[in-house]
Amino acid sequence: MNENTEPEDADPDRQHIAERARFVVTLGVLRAALEEQPSEASIRACGRRWIGAATQATDEVIRERRKKNKEAGQ
């Protein structure tokens, strides 16, 4: 099992559906956060914060994966 509780050898179609569902839900949350903003400037700032957070999370996951792969290779 991976961190998302999906079996590693899960049906690719099922995995795609699960990934798409997470994407749609996340995008909906992002859109709701943007729509709550009172001005165009705050919408833009909110969007930039989300972009920064997504980039940071991406970098963290990559670092963790590299560390895990390095440890597994030793």
N, C-alpha and C. Protein backbone atom coordinates (compact mmCIF):
# COMPACT_ATOMS: atom_id res chain seq x y z
N MET A 1 0.84 -1.18 0.00
CA MET A 1 0.00 0.00 0.00
C MET A 1 0.88 1.25 0.00
N ASN A 2 0.45 2.28 -0.69
CA ASN A 2 1.17 3.54 -0.65
C ASN A 2 0.53 4.46 0.36
N GLU A 3 1.02 5.69 0.44
CA GLU A 3 0.53 6.63 1.44
C GLU A 3 -0.94 6.99 1.23
N ASN A 4 -1.47 6.79 0.04
CA ASN A 4 -2.87 7.11 -0.26
C ASN A 4 -3.77 5.91 -0.05
N THR A 5 -3.25 4.85 0.56
CA THR A 5 -3.97 3.61 0.86
C THR A 5 -4.46 2.88 -0.39
N GLU A 6 -3.89 3.18 -1.52
CA GLU A 6 -4.19 2.42 -2.73
C GLU A 6 -3.13 1.33 -2.87
N PRO A 7 -3.50 0.11 -3.20
CA PRO A 7 -2.50 -0.93 -3.42
C PRO A 7 -1.56 -0.52 -4.54
N GLU A 8 -0.28 -0.87 -4.39
CA GLU A 8 0.72 -0.51 -5.39
C GLU A 8 0.35 -1.03 -6.77
N ASP A 9 -0.27 -2.21 -6.83
CA ASP A 9 -0.61 -2.83 -8.11
C ASP A 9 -2.08 -2.62 -8.47
N ALA A 10 -2.66 -1.53 -7.97
CA ALA A 10 -4.08 -1.26 -8.23
C ALA A 10 -4.33 -1.12 -9.72
N ASP A 11 -5.54 -1.41 -10.11
CA ASP A 11 -5.97 -1.26 -11.49
C ASP A 11 -5.67 0.17 -11.95
N PRO A 12 -4.95 0.34 -13.07
CA PRO A 12 -4.62 1.70 -13.53
C PRO A 12 -5.84 2.59 -13.74
N ASP A 13 -6.95 2.04 -14.20
CA ASP A 13 -8.16 2.84 -14.38
C ASP A 13 -8.68 3.34 -13.04
N ARG A 14 -8.67 2.47 -12.06
CA ARG A 14 -9.13 2.86 -10.73
C ARG A 14 -8.21 3.92 -10.13
N GLN A 15 -6.92 3.75 -10.32
CA GLN A 15 -5.96 4.74 -9.82
C GLN A 15 -6.17 6.09 -10.50
N HIS A 16 -6.41 6.07 -11.81
CA HIS A 16 -6.66 7.31 -12.54
C HIS A 16 -7.92 8.00 -12.02
N ILE A 17 -8.95 7.23 -11.77
CA ILE A 17 -10.20 7.79 -11.26
C ILE A 17 -9.97 8.42 -9.88
N ALA A 18 -9.21 7.74 -9.02
CA ALA A 18 -8.93 8.27 -7.69
C ALA A 18 -8.10 9.56 -7.78
N GLU A 19 -7.09 9.57 -8.66
CA GLU A 19 -6.28 10.78 -8.84
C GLU A 19 -7.12 11.93 -9.37
N ARG A 20 -7.98 11.64 -10.32
CA ARG A 20 -8.84 12.67 -10.89
C ARG A 20 -9.81 13.22 -9.85
N ALA A 21 -10.35 12.34 -9.02
CA ALA A 21 -11.26 12.78 -7.97
C ALA A 21 -10.54 13.70 -6.98
N ARG A 22 -9.32 13.34 -6.57
CA ARG A 22 -8.55 14.21 -5.67
C ARG A 22 -8.28 15.55 -6.33
N PHE A 23 -7.96 15.54 -7.61
CA PHE A 23 -7.67 16.78 -8.33
C PHE A 23 -8.90 17.68 -8.37
N VAL A 24 -10.04 17.10 -8.68
CA VAL A 24 -11.28 17.88 -8.78
C VAL A 24 -11.66 18.47 -7.43
N VAL A 25 -11.54 17.67 -6.38
CA VAL A 25 -11.86 18.16 -5.03
C VAL A 25 -10.91 19.29 -4.64
N THR A 26 -9.62 19.09 -4.88
CA THR A 26 -8.63 20.11 -4.53
C THR A 26 -8.87 21.39 -5.33
N LEU A 27 -9.15 21.25 -6.60
CA LEU A 27 -9.42 22.42 -7.42
C LEU A 27 -10.65 23.16 -6.94
N GLY A 28 -11.64 22.42 -6.49
CA GLY A 28 -12.85 23.04 -5.94
C GLY A 28 -12.55 23.84 -4.67
N VAL A 29 -11.69 23.29 -3.82
CA VAL A 29 -11.29 24.00 -2.60
C VAL A 29 -10.53 25.27 -2.96
N LEU A 30 -9.63 25.16 -3.92
CA LEU A 30 -8.87 26.33 -4.37
C LEU A 30 -9.80 27.40 -4.93
N ARG A 31 -10.71 26.99 -5.76
CA ARG A 31 -11.65 27.95 -6.35
C ARG A 31 -12.50 28.62 -5.28
N ALA A 32 -12.94 27.86 -4.29
CA ALA A 32 -13.74 28.43 -3.20
C ALA A 32 -12.92 29.48 -2.44
N ALA A 33 -11.65 29.17 -2.18
CA ALA A 33 -10.79 30.13 -1.49
C ALA A 33 -10.62 31.40 -2.31
N LEU A 34 -10.48 31.26 -3.62
CA LEU A 34 -10.33 32.43 -4.49
C LEU A 34 -11.63 33.25 -4.51
N GLU A 35 -12.76 32.56 -4.60
CA GLU A 35 -14.04 33.27 -4.68
C GLU A 35 -14.38 34.02 -3.40
N GLU A 36 -13.80 33.64 -2.28
CA GLU A 36 -14.03 34.32 -1.01
C GLU A 36 -13.30 35.66 -0.92
N GLN A 37 -12.37 35.88 -1.80
CA GLN A 37 -11.55 37.09 -1.73
C GLN A 37 -12.36 38.31 -2.17
N PRO A 38 -12.12 39.44 -1.49
CA PRO A 38 -12.95 40.63 -1.76
C PRO A 38 -12.52 41.47 -2.97
N SER A 39 -11.31 41.29 -3.46
CA SER A 39 -10.86 42.14 -4.57
C SER A 39 -10.00 41.34 -5.54
N GLU A 40 -9.79 41.92 -6.71
CA GLU A 40 -8.95 41.26 -7.71
C GLU A 40 -7.54 41.06 -7.18
N ALA A 41 -7.03 42.06 -6.47
CA ALA A 41 -5.67 41.97 -5.92
C ALA A 41 -5.56 40.84 -4.90
N SER A 42 -6.58 40.71 -4.05
CA SER A 42 -6.51 39.65 -3.05
C SER A 42 -6.73 38.28 -3.68
N ILE A 43 -7.50 38.23 -4.76
CA ILE A 43 -7.64 36.97 -5.50
C ILE A 43 -6.29 36.55 -6.04
N ARG A 44 -5.58 37.49 -6.65
CA ARG A 44 -4.26 37.20 -7.21
C ARG A 44 -3.29 36.77 -6.11
N ALA A 45 -3.30 37.48 -4.98
CA ALA A 45 -2.40 37.14 -3.87
C ALA A 45 -2.71 35.74 -3.32
N CYS A 46 -3.99 35.43 -3.21
CA CYS A 46 -4.41 34.11 -2.73
C CYS A 46 -3.92 33.03 -3.70
N GLY A 47 -4.09 33.28 -4.98
CA GLY A 47 -3.62 32.33 -5.99
C GLY A 47 -2.12 32.11 -5.89
N ARG A 48 -1.38 33.18 -5.68
CA ARG A 48 0.08 33.05 -5.54
C ARG A 48 0.44 32.25 -4.30
N ARG A 49 -0.31 32.43 -3.21
CA ARG A 49 -0.03 31.64 -2.00
C ARG A 49 -0.27 30.16 -2.27
N TRP A 50 -1.36 29.84 -2.99
CA TRP A 50 -1.63 28.45 -3.32
C TRP A 50 -0.53 27.87 -4.21
N ILE A 51 -0.08 28.66 -5.18
CA ILE A 51 1.00 28.21 -6.05
C ILE A 51 2.26 27.94 -5.23
N GLY A 52 2.59 28.87 -4.35
CA GLY A 52 3.77 28.69 -3.49
C GLY A 52 3.67 27.46 -2.62
N ALA A 53 2.49 27.24 -2.04
CA ALA A 53 2.28 26.08 -1.18
C ALA A 53 2.39 24.78 -1.98
N ALA A 54 1.84 24.77 -3.19
CA ALA A 54 1.91 23.57 -4.03
C ALA A 54 3.35 23.29 -4.44
N THR A 55 4.10 24.34 -4.77
CA THR A 55 5.50 24.17 -5.14
C THR A 55 6.31 23.66 -3.96
N GLN A 56 6.05 24.19 -2.77
CA GLN A 56 6.76 23.75 -1.58
C GLN A 56 6.44 22.28 -1.28
N ALA A 57 5.18 21.91 -1.37
CA ALA A 57 4.80 20.52 -1.13
C ALA A 57 5.46 19.59 -2.16
N THR A 58 5.52 20.03 -3.40
CA THR A 58 6.18 19.25 -4.45
C THR A 58 7.63 19.01 -4.11
N ASP A 59 8.32 20.08 -3.74
CA ASP A 59 9.74 19.96 -3.40
C ASP A 59 9.96 19.05 -2.19
N GLU A 60 9.08 19.13 -1.19
CA GLU A 60 9.19 18.28 0.00
C GLU A 60 9.01 16.81 -0.36
N VAL A 61 8.02 16.52 -1.19
CA VAL A 61 7.77 15.12 -1.58
C VAL A 61 8.96 14.58 -2.38
N ILE A 62 9.51 15.40 -3.25
CA ILE A 62 10.68 14.97 -4.03
C ILE A 62 11.86 14.68 -3.11
N ARG A 63 12.12 15.58 -2.14
CA ARG A 63 13.21 15.34 -1.19
C ARG A 63 13.00 14.05 -0.40
N GLU A 64 11.77 13.85 0.07
CA GLU A 64 11.46 12.63 0.82
C GLU A 64 11.65 11.39 -0.04
N ARG A 65 11.21 11.45 -1.29
CA ARG A 65 11.35 10.30 -2.20
C ARG A 65 12.82 10.00 -2.46
N ARG A 66 13.62 11.05 -2.69
CA ARG A 66 15.05 10.84 -2.92
C ARG A 66 15.71 10.21 -1.71
N LYS A 67 15.35 10.70 -0.52
CA LYS A 67 15.91 10.16 0.72
C LYS A 67 15.54 8.70 0.87
N LYS A 68 14.26 8.39 0.62
CA LYS A 68 13.79 7.01 0.73
C LYS A 68 14.52 6.11 -0.27
N ASN A 69 14.66 6.58 -1.51
CA ASN A 69 15.34 5.79 -2.53
C ASN A 69 16.80 5.60 -2.19
N LYS A 70 17.43 6.63 -1.65
CA LYS A 70 18.84 6.54 -1.27
C LYS A 70 19.01 5.52 -0.15
N GLU A 71 18.13 5.57 0.86
CA GLU A 71 18.19 4.63 1.97
C GLU A 71 17.94 3.21 1.51
N ALA A 72 17.04 3.02 0.57
CA ALA A 72 16.72 1.69 0.06
C ALA A 72 17.88 1.12 -0.75
N GLY A 73 18.68 2.00 -1.36
CA GLY A 73 19.78 1.56 -2.20
C GLY A 73 21.03 1.21 -1.41
N GLN A 74 21.06 1.56 -0.15
CA GLN A 74 22.27 1.30 0.65
C GLN A 74 22.25 -0.04 1.28
